[in-house]
Amino acid sequence: MTAFLIISVFIILFGGFLYWAYLPDYRRDPKEFWRTLIGMPIGMLLSILGFGALNELIKKWAIKDKDEKNNI
């Protein structure tokens, strides 16, 4: 019962964090938001495991649209 309560509190805190921290980014550009949300943990994991080249490819994928908009 105690473990369930602790896990529930963490889930609520994490949900609140996502809502207040990422909602402005999502409203600004939903496509970029999902790329960041997916790419950031994968890139961190790859860099920890020593795959720096794959990390750079994911970074380029995540910010692709931003670079194209700035060049126009």
N, C-alpha and C. Protein backbone atom coordinates (compact mmCIF):
# COMPACT_ATOMS: atom_id res chain seq x y z
N MET A 1 0.82 -1.20 0.00
CA MET A 1 0.00 0.00 0.00
C MET A 1 0.86 1.26 0.00
N THR A 2 1.94 1.24 0.77
CA THR A 2 2.82 2.41 0.83
C THR A 2 3.52 2.64 -0.51
N ALA A 3 3.93 1.54 -1.15
CA ALA A 3 4.59 1.67 -2.45
C ALA A 3 3.62 2.27 -3.47
N PHE A 4 2.38 1.85 -3.43
CA PHE A 4 1.37 2.39 -4.35
C PHE A 4 1.20 3.89 -4.14
N LEU A 5 1.17 4.32 -2.89
CA LEU A 5 1.02 5.73 -2.57
C LEU A 5 2.22 6.55 -3.05
N ILE A 6 3.42 6.03 -2.85
CA ILE A 6 4.63 6.73 -3.29
C ILE A 6 4.68 6.83 -4.81
N ILE A 7 4.36 5.74 -5.49
CA ILE A 7 4.36 5.75 -6.95
C ILE A 7 3.29 6.70 -7.47
N SER A 8 2.14 6.73 -6.85
CA SER A 8 1.06 7.65 -7.26
C SER A 8 1.49 9.10 -7.13
N VAL A 9 2.16 9.42 -6.03
CA VAL A 9 2.63 10.80 -5.83
C VAL A 9 3.64 11.17 -6.90
N PHE A 10 4.57 10.27 -7.21
CA PHE A 10 5.56 10.55 -8.26
C PHE A 10 4.90 10.73 -9.62
N ILE A 11 3.91 9.94 -9.93
CA ILE A 11 3.21 10.06 -11.21
C ILE A 11 2.49 11.40 -11.29
N ILE A 12 1.86 11.81 -10.21
CA ILE A 12 1.16 13.10 -10.18
C ILE A 12 2.16 14.24 -10.33
N LEU A 13 3.28 14.18 -9.63
CA LEU A 13 4.31 15.22 -9.76
C LEU A 13 4.88 15.27 -11.17
N PHE A 14 5.13 14.11 -11.76
CA PHE A 14 5.67 14.07 -13.12
C PHE A 14 4.65 14.62 -14.12
N GLY A 15 3.39 14.27 -13.94
CA GLY A 15 2.34 14.82 -14.82
C GLY A 15 2.23 16.33 -14.69
N GLY A 16 2.30 16.84 -13.46
CA GLY A 16 2.28 18.29 -13.26
C GLY A 16 3.48 18.96 -13.89
N PHE A 17 4.65 18.34 -13.76
CA PHE A 17 5.84 18.89 -14.38
C PHE A 17 5.69 18.96 -15.89
N LEU A 18 5.22 17.88 -16.50
CA LEU A 18 5.02 17.90 -17.95
C LEU A 18 4.02 18.95 -18.37
N TYR A 19 2.96 19.11 -17.60
CA TYR A 19 1.92 20.06 -17.95
C TYR A 19 2.44 21.49 -17.90
N TRP A 20 3.06 21.88 -16.79
CA TRP A 20 3.48 23.28 -16.65
C TRP A 20 4.79 23.59 -17.34
N ALA A 21 5.68 22.62 -17.48
CA ALA A 21 6.97 22.89 -18.08
C ALA A 21 6.92 22.80 -19.60
N TYR A 22 6.16 21.86 -20.13
CA TYR A 22 6.19 21.62 -21.56
C TYR A 22 4.98 22.14 -22.32
N LEU A 23 3.92 22.54 -21.65
CA LEU A 23 2.74 23.01 -22.36
C LEU A 23 3.01 24.23 -23.23
N PRO A 24 3.79 25.23 -22.78
CA PRO A 24 4.09 26.35 -23.68
C PRO A 24 4.86 25.92 -24.92
N ASP A 25 5.80 24.97 -24.77
CA ASP A 25 6.53 24.47 -25.94
C ASP A 25 5.60 23.74 -26.89
N TYR A 26 4.67 22.97 -26.35
CA TYR A 26 3.74 22.24 -27.20
C TYR A 26 2.84 23.20 -27.98
N ARG A 27 2.37 24.24 -27.32
CA ARG A 27 1.50 25.21 -28.01
C ARG A 27 2.26 25.95 -29.11
N ARG A 28 3.54 26.19 -28.88
CA ARG A 28 4.34 26.91 -29.88
C ARG A 28 4.53 26.07 -31.15
N ASP A 29 4.92 24.81 -30.97
CA ASP A 29 5.18 23.95 -32.13
C ASP A 29 5.06 22.48 -31.71
N PRO A 30 3.89 21.87 -31.91
CA PRO A 30 3.70 20.48 -31.46
C PRO A 30 4.66 19.48 -32.08
N LYS A 31 5.01 19.66 -33.34
CA LYS A 31 5.89 18.71 -34.00
C LYS A 31 7.29 18.75 -33.36
N GLU A 32 7.79 19.94 -33.10
CA GLU A 32 9.09 20.07 -32.46
C GLU A 32 9.07 19.53 -31.03
N PHE A 33 7.96 19.72 -30.35
CA PHE A 33 7.81 19.23 -28.98
C PHE A 33 7.97 17.72 -28.93
N TRP A 34 7.28 17.01 -29.82
CA TRP A 34 7.36 15.54 -29.79
C TRP A 34 8.74 15.06 -30.17
N ARG A 35 9.40 15.75 -31.11
CA ARG A 35 10.76 15.36 -31.47
C ARG A 35 11.70 15.55 -30.29
N THR A 36 11.53 16.65 -29.57
CA THR A 36 12.38 16.89 -28.40
C THR A 36 12.10 15.87 -27.31
N LEU A 37 10.84 15.60 -27.07
CA LEU A 37 10.46 14.67 -26.00
C LEU A 37 10.95 13.26 -26.29
N ILE A 38 10.97 12.87 -27.55
CA ILE A 38 11.44 11.54 -27.93
C ILE A 38 12.96 11.51 -28.06
N GLY A 39 13.51 12.53 -28.70
CA GLY A 39 14.94 12.53 -29.01
C GLY A 39 15.86 12.77 -27.83
N MET A 40 15.43 13.57 -26.86
CA MET A 40 16.31 13.91 -25.74
C MET A 40 16.72 12.68 -24.92
N PRO A 41 15.79 11.85 -24.44
CA PRO A 41 16.24 10.68 -23.66
C PRO A 41 17.04 9.68 -24.48
N ILE A 42 16.66 9.50 -25.74
CA ILE A 42 17.40 8.55 -26.59
C ILE A 42 18.81 9.06 -26.82
N GLY A 43 18.96 10.36 -27.09
CA GLY A 43 20.28 10.94 -27.29
C GLY A 43 21.14 10.85 -26.05
N MET A 44 20.55 11.08 -24.89
CA MET A 44 21.31 10.97 -23.64
C MET A 44 21.77 9.54 -23.42
N LEU A 45 20.91 8.59 -23.68
CA LEU A 45 21.27 7.18 -23.51
C LEU A 45 22.39 6.80 -24.48
N LEU A 46 22.29 7.24 -25.72
CA LEU A 46 23.33 6.91 -26.70
C LEU A 46 24.66 7.52 -26.33
N SER A 47 24.64 8.77 -25.83
CA SER A 47 25.91 9.40 -25.46
C SER A 47 26.54 8.71 -24.25
N ILE A 48 25.72 8.22 -23.32
CA ILE A 48 26.25 7.48 -22.17
C ILE A 48 26.87 6.17 -22.62
N LEU A 49 26.25 5.52 -23.60
CA LEU A 49 26.76 4.25 -24.08
C LEU A 49 27.94 4.40 -25.04
N GLY A 50 28.28 5.64 -25.41
CA GLY A 50 29.44 5.88 -26.26
C GLY A 50 29.15 5.98 -27.74
N PHE A 51 27.90 6.16 -28.11
CA PHE A 51 27.53 6.31 -29.51
C PHE A 51 27.31 7.78 -29.83
N GLY A 52 28.38 8.56 -29.86
CA GLY A 52 28.28 9.99 -30.09
C GLY A 52 27.77 10.34 -31.47
N ALA A 53 28.13 9.54 -32.47
CA ALA A 53 27.69 9.83 -33.84
C ALA A 53 26.17 9.68 -33.97
N LEU A 54 25.62 8.65 -33.35
CA LEU A 54 24.16 8.48 -33.39
C LEU A 54 23.46 9.60 -32.62
N ASN A 55 24.07 10.05 -31.54
CA ASN A 55 23.52 11.16 -30.77
C ASN A 55 23.45 12.41 -31.64
N GLU A 56 24.48 12.67 -32.42
CA GLU A 56 24.48 13.84 -33.31
C GLU A 56 23.40 13.72 -34.38
N LEU A 57 23.19 12.51 -34.91
CA LEU A 57 22.13 12.32 -35.90
C LEU A 57 20.75 12.60 -35.31
N ILE A 58 20.53 12.18 -34.09
CA ILE A 58 19.24 12.43 -33.44
C ILE A 58 19.07 13.92 -33.17
N LYS A 59 20.15 14.61 -32.78
CA LYS A 59 20.07 16.06 -32.57
C LYS A 59 19.68 16.77 -33.87
N LYS A 60 20.30 16.37 -34.97
CA LYS A 60 19.97 16.98 -36.26
C LYS A 60 18.53 16.70 -36.64
N TRP A 61 18.03 15.51 -36.36
CA TRP A 61 16.64 15.17 -36.66
C TRP A 61 15.69 16.00 -35.82
N ALA A 62 16.03 16.20 -34.55
CA ALA A 62 15.13 16.90 -33.64
C ALA A 62 15.04 18.39 -33.95
N ILE A 63 16.09 18.99 -34.47
CA ILE A 63 16.07 20.43 -34.75
C ILE A 63 16.04 20.74 -36.24
N LYS A 64 15.69 19.75 -37.04
CA LYS A 64 15.68 19.90 -38.49
C LYS A 64 14.80 21.05 -38.95
N ASP A 65 13.55 21.10 -38.51
CA ASP A 65 12.62 22.12 -38.96
C ASP A 65 13.04 23.51 -38.50
N LYS A 66 13.63 23.61 -37.32
CA LYS A 66 14.06 24.90 -36.80
C LYS A 66 15.16 25.48 -37.69
N ASP A 67 16.12 24.65 -38.11
CA ASP A 67 17.18 25.12 -38.97
C ASP A 67 16.66 25.53 -40.33
N GLU A 68 15.69 24.78 -40.87
CA GLU A 68 15.13 25.12 -42.18
C GLU A 68 14.37 26.43 -42.13
N LYS A 69 13.66 26.70 -41.03
CA LYS A 69 12.92 27.95 -40.90
C LYS A 69 13.85 29.13 -40.79
N ASN A 70 15.00 28.97 -40.13
CA ASN A 70 15.95 30.07 -39.97
C ASN A 70 16.67 30.39 -41.27
N ASN A 71 16.84 29.41 -42.16
CA ASN A 71 17.55 29.65 -43.41
C ASN A 71 16.69 30.34 -44.46
N ILE A 72 15.39 30.30 -44.31
CA ILE A 72 14.50 30.90 -45.32
C ILE A 72 14.45 32.39 -45.16
